Amino acid sequence: MSAQQIAALALLVTLAGVWDGRWRRIPNWLVVAGAVAGLAVNSPLSAAKGFGIAVLVYLPLYLLRAVGGGDLKLMAAMGLITGHEVWLVLFVLSAVGGGIAALVLVIAKKRLRRTLSNVGHILRSAPAAELPHEQRPELSVDAPEALTLPRGTVIAVTTLLYLGTLAL
């Protein structure tokens, strides 16, 4: 990654992480600015590949209501900045970081049994091609009773840790 890509990515995820942690949303103006920056600092082919893989991975999660629209747009903007290879690394890191953060949250909120029941429900819904949130509304990321993480903050932390390893 070039210095311009690193700077654009660091600024985008830092602002998104703070915003999501504070207000539980990622504003459109921020992801549009990130997308424009991605088009400016990356080659058109690499940007298109990064955007494409981000949408390919995150759109189904959004349609299943497992992530919010801001998360989808943030990851798409990140793909424009990084290209597909680095984006895939960031996706895996954010998934692992999100899993760890979710486990800590579930244990802290004393919802482990309920969460395991919900995981079972999701696994049973998949073969039947049912949307899990239709029978259990708390499985929708936008439900008031849902136990959610600010994914933008998790994405920011894991991305900044990754960028820190590049500096070593």
C-alpha atoms as a PDB file:
ATOM      1  CA  MET A   1       0.000   0.000   0.000  1.00  0.00           C
ATOM      2  CA  SER A   2       1.175   3.503  -0.772  1.00  0.00           C
ATOM      3  CA  ALA A   3       1.571   6.186   1.866  1.00  0.00           C
ATOM      4  CA  GLN A   4      -1.494   7.951   0.411  1.00  0.00           C
ATOM      5  CA  GLN A   5      -3.606   4.792   0.710  1.00  0.00           C
ATOM      6  CA  ILE A   6      -2.466   4.254   4.298  1.00  0.00           C
ATOM      7  CA  ALA A   7      -3.248   7.866   5.237  1.00  0.00           C
ATOM      8  CA  ALA A   8      -6.683   7.782   3.552  1.00  0.00           C
ATOM      9  CA  LEU A   9      -7.556   4.450   5.158  1.00  0.00           C
ATOM     10  CA  ALA A  10      -6.361   5.512   8.612  1.00  0.00           C
ATOM     11  CA  LEU A  11      -8.344   8.743   8.489  1.00  0.00           C
ATOM     12  CA  LEU A  12     -11.496   7.028   7.189  1.00  0.00           C
ATOM     13  CA  VAL A  13     -11.556   4.239   9.780  1.00  0.00           C
ATOM     14  CA  THR A  14     -10.584   6.512  12.659  1.00  0.00           C
ATOM     15  CA  LEU A  15     -13.460   8.904  11.957  1.00  0.00           C
ATOM     16  CA  ALA A  16     -15.892   6.036  11.292  1.00  0.00           C
ATOM     17  CA  GLY A  17     -14.842   4.226  14.465  1.00  0.00           C
ATOM     18  CA  VAL A  18     -15.250   7.279  16.656  1.00  0.00           C
ATOM     19  CA  TRP A  19     -18.545   8.237  15.022  1.00  0.00           C
ATOM     20  CA  ASP A  20     -19.974   4.702  15.294  1.00  0.00           C
ATOM     21  CA  GLY A  21     -18.804   4.309  18.869  1.00  0.00           C
ATOM     22  CA  ARG A  22     -20.355   7.609  19.886  1.00  0.00           C
ATOM     23  CA  TRP A  23     -23.563   7.792  17.800  1.00  0.00           C
ATOM     24  CA  ARG A  24     -23.952   4.177  16.577  1.00  0.00           C
ATOM     25  CA  ARG A  25     -24.017   5.169  12.928  1.00  0.00           C
ATOM     26  CA  ILE A  26     -21.577   5.894  10.126  1.00  0.00           C
ATOM     27  CA  PRO A  27     -22.545   9.018   8.173  1.00  0.00           C
ATOM     28  CA  ASN A  28     -22.897   8.982   4.392  1.00  0.00           C
ATOM     29  CA  TRP A  29     -20.700  12.065   3.975  1.00  0.00           C
ATOM     30  CA  LEU A  30     -17.830  10.148   5.544  1.00  0.00           C
ATOM     31  CA  VAL A  31     -18.087   7.056   3.367  1.00  0.00           C
ATOM     32  CA  VAL A  32     -18.540   9.190   0.236  1.00  0.00           C
ATOM     33  CA  ALA A  33     -15.366  11.095   1.167  1.00  0.00           C
ATOM     34  CA  GLY A  34     -13.619   7.759   1.722  1.00  0.00           C
ATOM     35  CA  ALA A  35     -14.828   6.498  -1.652  1.00  0.00           C
ATOM     36  CA  VAL A  36     -13.580   9.630  -3.424  1.00  0.00           C
ATOM     37  CA  ALA A  37     -10.245   9.284  -1.638  1.00  0.00           C
ATOM     38  CA  GLY A  38     -10.070   5.636  -2.731  1.00  0.00           C
ATOM     39  CA  LEU A  39     -10.592   6.601  -6.346  1.00  0.00           C
ATOM     40  CA  ALA A  40      -7.856   9.224  -6.000  1.00  0.00           C
ATOM     41  CA  VAL A  41      -5.204   7.044  -4.329  1.00  0.00           C
ATOM     42  CA  ASN A  42      -5.781   3.670  -5.992  1.00  0.00           C
ATOM     43  CA  SER A  43      -5.690   2.440  -9.574  1.00  0.00           C
ATOM     44  CA  PRO A  44      -9.124   2.051 -11.196  1.00  0.00           C
ATOM     45  CA  LEU A  45      -8.784  -1.735 -11.552  1.00  0.00           C
ATOM     46  CA  SER A  46      -7.594  -2.292  -7.991  1.00  0.00           C
ATOM     47  CA  ALA A  47     -10.290   0.039  -6.621  1.00  0.00           C
ATOM     48  CA  ALA A  48     -12.980  -1.780  -8.610  1.00  0.00           C
ATOM     49  CA  LYS A  49     -11.798  -5.176  -7.377  1.00  0.00           C
ATOM     50  CA  GLY A  50     -11.717  -3.971  -3.774  1.00  0.00           C
ATOM     51  CA  PHE A  51     -15.162  -2.427  -4.043  1.00  0.00           C
ATOM     52  CA  GLY A  52     -16.549  -5.531  -5.737  1.00  0.00           C
ATOM     53  CA  ILE A  53     -15.292  -8.018  -3.165  1.00  0.00           C
ATOM     54  CA  ALA A  54     -16.474  -5.790  -0.310  1.00  0.00           C
ATOM     55  CA  VAL A  55     -19.985  -5.593  -1.744  1.00  0.00           C
ATOM     56  CA  LEU A  56     -19.982  -9.304  -2.598  1.00  0.00           C
ATOM     57  CA  VAL A  57     -19.155 -10.188   1.029  1.00  0.00           C
ATOM     58  CA  TYR A  58     -21.085  -7.497   2.907  1.00  0.00           C
ATOM     59  CA  LEU A  59     -24.287  -7.170   0.852  1.00  0.00           C
ATOM     60  CA  PRO A  60     -25.611 -10.612   1.900  1.00  0.00           C
ATOM     61  CA  LEU A  61     -24.806  -9.780   5.543  1.00  0.00           C
ATOM     62  CA  TYR A  62     -26.725  -6.528   5.163  1.00  0.00           C
ATOM     63  CA  LEU A  63     -29.692  -8.289   3.519  1.00  0.00           C
ATOM     64  CA  LEU A  64     -29.742 -10.782   6.406  1.00  0.00           C
ATOM     65  CA  ARG A  65     -29.706  -7.799   8.779  1.00  0.00           C
ATOM     66  CA  ALA A  66     -26.498  -9.008  10.372  1.00  0.00           C
ATOM     67  CA  VAL A  67     -24.738  -5.678   9.671  1.00  0.00           C
ATOM     68  CA  GLY A  68     -26.008  -2.186   9.080  1.00  0.00           C
ATOM     69  CA  GLY A  69     -25.899  -0.134   5.916  1.00  0.00           C
ATOM     70  CA  GLY A  70     -23.132   2.060   7.283  1.00  0.00           C
ATOM     71  CA  ASP A  71     -20.932  -0.994   7.803  1.00  0.00           C
ATOM     72  CA  LEU A  72     -21.528  -2.089   4.197  1.00  0.00           C
ATOM     73  CA  LYS A  73     -20.719   1.368   2.854  1.00  0.00           C
ATOM     74  CA  LEU A  74     -17.630   1.698   5.077  1.00  0.00           C
ATOM     75  CA  MET A  75     -16.238  -1.619   3.896  1.00  0.00           C
ATOM     76  CA  ALA A  76     -16.965  -0.714   0.253  1.00  0.00           C
ATOM     77  CA  ALA A  77     -15.084   2.579   0.664  1.00  0.00           C
ATOM     78  CA  MET A  78     -12.224   0.696   2.306  1.00  0.00           C
ATOM     79  CA  GLY A  79     -12.161  -1.653  -0.674  1.00  0.00           C
ATOM     80  CA  LEU A  80     -11.834   1.315  -3.027  1.00  0.00           C
ATOM     81  CA  ILE A  81      -8.840   2.530  -1.016  1.00  0.00           C
ATOM     82  CA  THR A  82      -7.059  -0.804  -0.486  1.00  0.00           C
ATOM     83  CA  GLY A  83      -7.968  -3.086  -3.357  1.00  0.00           C
ATOM     84  CA  HIS A  84      -9.203  -6.643  -2.880  1.00  0.00           C
ATOM     85  CA  GLU A  85      -6.119  -8.346  -1.413  1.00  0.00           C
ATOM     86  CA  VAL A  86      -5.630  -6.006   1.532  1.00  0.00           C
ATOM     87  CA  TRP A  87      -9.408  -5.723   1.956  1.00  0.00           C
ATOM     88  CA  LEU A  88      -9.663  -9.490   2.445  1.00  0.00           C
ATOM     89  CA  VAL A  89      -7.009  -9.326   5.173  1.00  0.00           C
ATOM     90  CA  LEU A  90      -8.878  -6.468   6.864  1.00  0.00           C
ATOM     91  CA  PHE A  91     -12.154  -8.375   6.590  1.00  0.00           C
ATOM     92  CA  VAL A  92     -10.698 -11.444   8.320  1.00  0.00           C
ATOM     93  CA  LEU A  93      -9.093  -9.321  11.031  1.00  0.00           C
ATOM     94  CA  SER A  94     -12.317  -7.401  11.663  1.00  0.00           C
ATOM     95  CA  ALA A  95     -14.311 -10.658  11.753  1.00  0.00           C
ATOM     96  CA  VAL A  96     -11.960 -12.169  14.340  1.00  0.00           C
ATOM     97  CA  GLY A  97     -11.850  -8.919  16.332  1.00  0.00           C
ATOM     98  CA  GLY A  98     -15.633  -8.654  16.132  1.00  0.00           C
ATOM     99  CA  GLY A  99     -16.031 -12.230  17.332  1.00  0.00           C
ATOM    100  CA  ILE A 100     -13.817 -11.586  20.337  1.00  0.00           C
ATOM    101  CA  ALA A 101     -15.609  -8.315  21.147  1.00  0.00           C
ATOM    102  CA  ALA A 102     -19.003 -10.010  20.742  1.00  0.00           C
ATOM    103  CA  LEU A 103     -18.032 -12.819  23.098  1.00  0.00           C
ATOM    104  CA  VAL A 104     -16.891 -10.314  25.720  1.00  0.00           C
ATOM    105  CA  LEU A 105     -20.144  -8.351  25.298  1.00  0.00           C
ATOM    106  CA  VAL A 106     -22.340 -11.456  25.539  1.00  0.00           C
ATOM    107  CA  ILE A 107     -20.585 -12.613  28.696  1.00  0.00           C
ATOM    108  CA  ALA A 108     -20.649  -9.114  30.244  1.00  0.00           C
ATOM    109  CA  LYS A 109     -24.390  -8.790  29.548  1.00  0.00           C
ATOM    110  CA  LYS A 110     -25.028 -12.343  30.827  1.00  0.00           C
ATOM    111  CA  ARG A 111     -26.640 -13.393  27.555  1.00  0.00           C
ATOM    112  CA  LEU A 112     -24.554 -16.429  26.661  1.00  0.00           C
ATOM    113  CA  ARG A 113     -27.438 -18.936  26.847  1.00  0.00           C
ATOM    114  CA  ARG A 114     -29.740 -16.696  24.799  1.00  0.00           C
ATOM    115  CA  THR A 115     -26.986 -16.072  22.251  1.00  0.00           C
ATOM    116  CA  LEU A 116     -26.290 -19.782  21.842  1.00  0.00           C
ATOM    117  CA  SER A 117     -30.008 -20.340  21.323  1.00  0.00           C
ATOM    118  CA  ASN A 118     -30.012 -17.631  18.655  1.00  0.00           C
ATOM    119  CA  VAL A 119     -26.995 -19.194  16.933  1.00  0.00           C
ATOM    120  CA  GLY A 120     -28.856 -22.516  16.857  1.00  0.00           C
ATOM    121  CA  HIS A 121     -31.875 -20.776  15.363  1.00  0.00           C
ATOM    122  CA  ILE A 122     -29.730 -19.175  12.663  1.00  0.00           C
ATOM    123  CA  LEU A 123     -28.160 -22.522  11.778  1.00  0.00           C
ATOM    124  CA  ARG A 124     -31.586 -24.187  11.578  1.00  0.00           C
ATOM    125  CA  SER A 125     -32.943 -21.346   9.427  1.00  0.00           C
ATOM    126  CA  ALA A 126     -30.194 -21.534   6.803  1.00  0.00           C
ATOM    127  CA  PRO A 127     -31.089 -24.896   5.189  1.00  0.00           C
ATOM    128  CA  ALA A 128     -34.755 -23.871   5.035  1.00  0.00           C
ATOM    129  CA  ALA A 129     -33.766 -20.571   3.343  1.00  0.00           C
ATOM    130  CA  GLU A 130     -35.599 -18.645   6.061  1.00  0.00           C
ATOM    131  CA  LEU A 131     -34.569 -15.244   7.333  1.00  0.00           C
ATOM    132  CA  PRO A 132     -33.684 -15.754  11.011  1.00  0.00           C
ATOM    133  CA  HIS A 133     -34.901 -12.303  12.073  1.00  0.00           C
ATOM    134  CA  GLU A 134     -38.432 -12.997  10.845  1.00  0.00           C
ATOM    135  CA  GLN A 135     -39.101 -15.380  13.744  1.00  0.00           C
ATOM    136  CA  ARG A 136     -36.729 -13.714  16.200  1.00  0.00           C
ATOM    137  CA  PRO A 137     -36.720  -9.937  15.682  1.00  0.00           C
ATOM    138  CA  GLU A 138     -33.770  -9.474  18.053  1.00  0.00           C
ATOM    139  CA  LEU A 139     -31.596 -11.034  15.337  1.00  0.00           C
ATOM    140  CA  SER A 140     -32.007  -7.918  13.186  1.00  0.00           C
ATOM    141  CA  VAL A 141     -29.231  -5.407  13.740  1.00  0.00           C
ATOM    142  CA  ASP A 142     -31.790  -2.584  13.770  1.00  0.00           C
ATOM    143  CA  ALA A 143     -34.066  -4.139  16.417  1.00  0.00           C
ATOM    144  CA  PRO A 144     -34.182  -2.208  19.714  1.00  0.00           C
ATOM    145  CA  GLU A 145     -33.788  -5.430  21.714  1.00  0.00           C
ATOM    146  CA  ALA A 146     -30.766  -6.604  19.693  1.00  0.00           C
ATOM    147  CA  LEU A 147     -27.431  -6.838  21.451  1.00  0.00           C
ATOM    148  CA  THR A 148     -25.153  -5.070  18.971  1.00  0.00           C
ATOM    149  CA  LEU A 149     -21.565  -3.938  18.631  1.00  0.00           C
ATOM    150  CA  PRO A 150     -20.485  -0.756  16.919  1.00  0.00           C
ATOM    151  CA  ARG A 151     -18.941  -2.659  13.969  1.00  0.00           C
ATOM    152  CA  GLY A 152     -17.362   0.523  12.633  1.00  0.00           C
ATOM    153  CA  THR A 153     -15.365   0.794  15.837  1.00  0.00           C
ATOM    154  CA  VAL A 154     -14.266  -2.840  15.620  1.00  0.00           C
ATOM    155  CA  ILE A 155     -13.310  -2.350  11.966  1.00  0.00           C
ATOM    156  CA  ALA A 156     -11.354   0.775  12.919  1.00  0.00           C
ATOM    157  CA  VAL A 157      -9.430  -0.865  15.757  1.00  0.00           C
ATOM    158  CA  THR A 158      -8.468  -3.942  13.743  1.00  0.00           C
ATOM    159  CA  THR A 159      -7.547  -1.862  10.685  1.00  0.00           C
ATOM    160  CA  LEU A 160      -5.384   0.507  12.728  1.00  0.00           C
ATOM    161  CA  LEU A 161      -3.651  -2.466  14.346  1.00  0.00           C
ATOM    162  CA  TYR A 162      -2.956  -3.855  10.878  1.00  0.00           C
ATOM    163  CA  LEU A 163      -1.607  -0.503   9.678  1.00  0.00           C
ATOM    164  CA  GLY A 164       0.576  -0.388  12.781  1.00  0.00           C
ATOM    165  CA  THR A 165       2.193  -3.662  11.737  1.00  0.00           C
ATOM    166  CA  LEU A 166       3.080  -2.118   8.354  1.00  0.00           C
ATOM    167  CA  ALA A 167       5.057   0.577  10.151  1.00  0.00           C
ATOM    168  CA  LEU A 168       7.220  -1.987  11.970  1.00  0.00           C
END
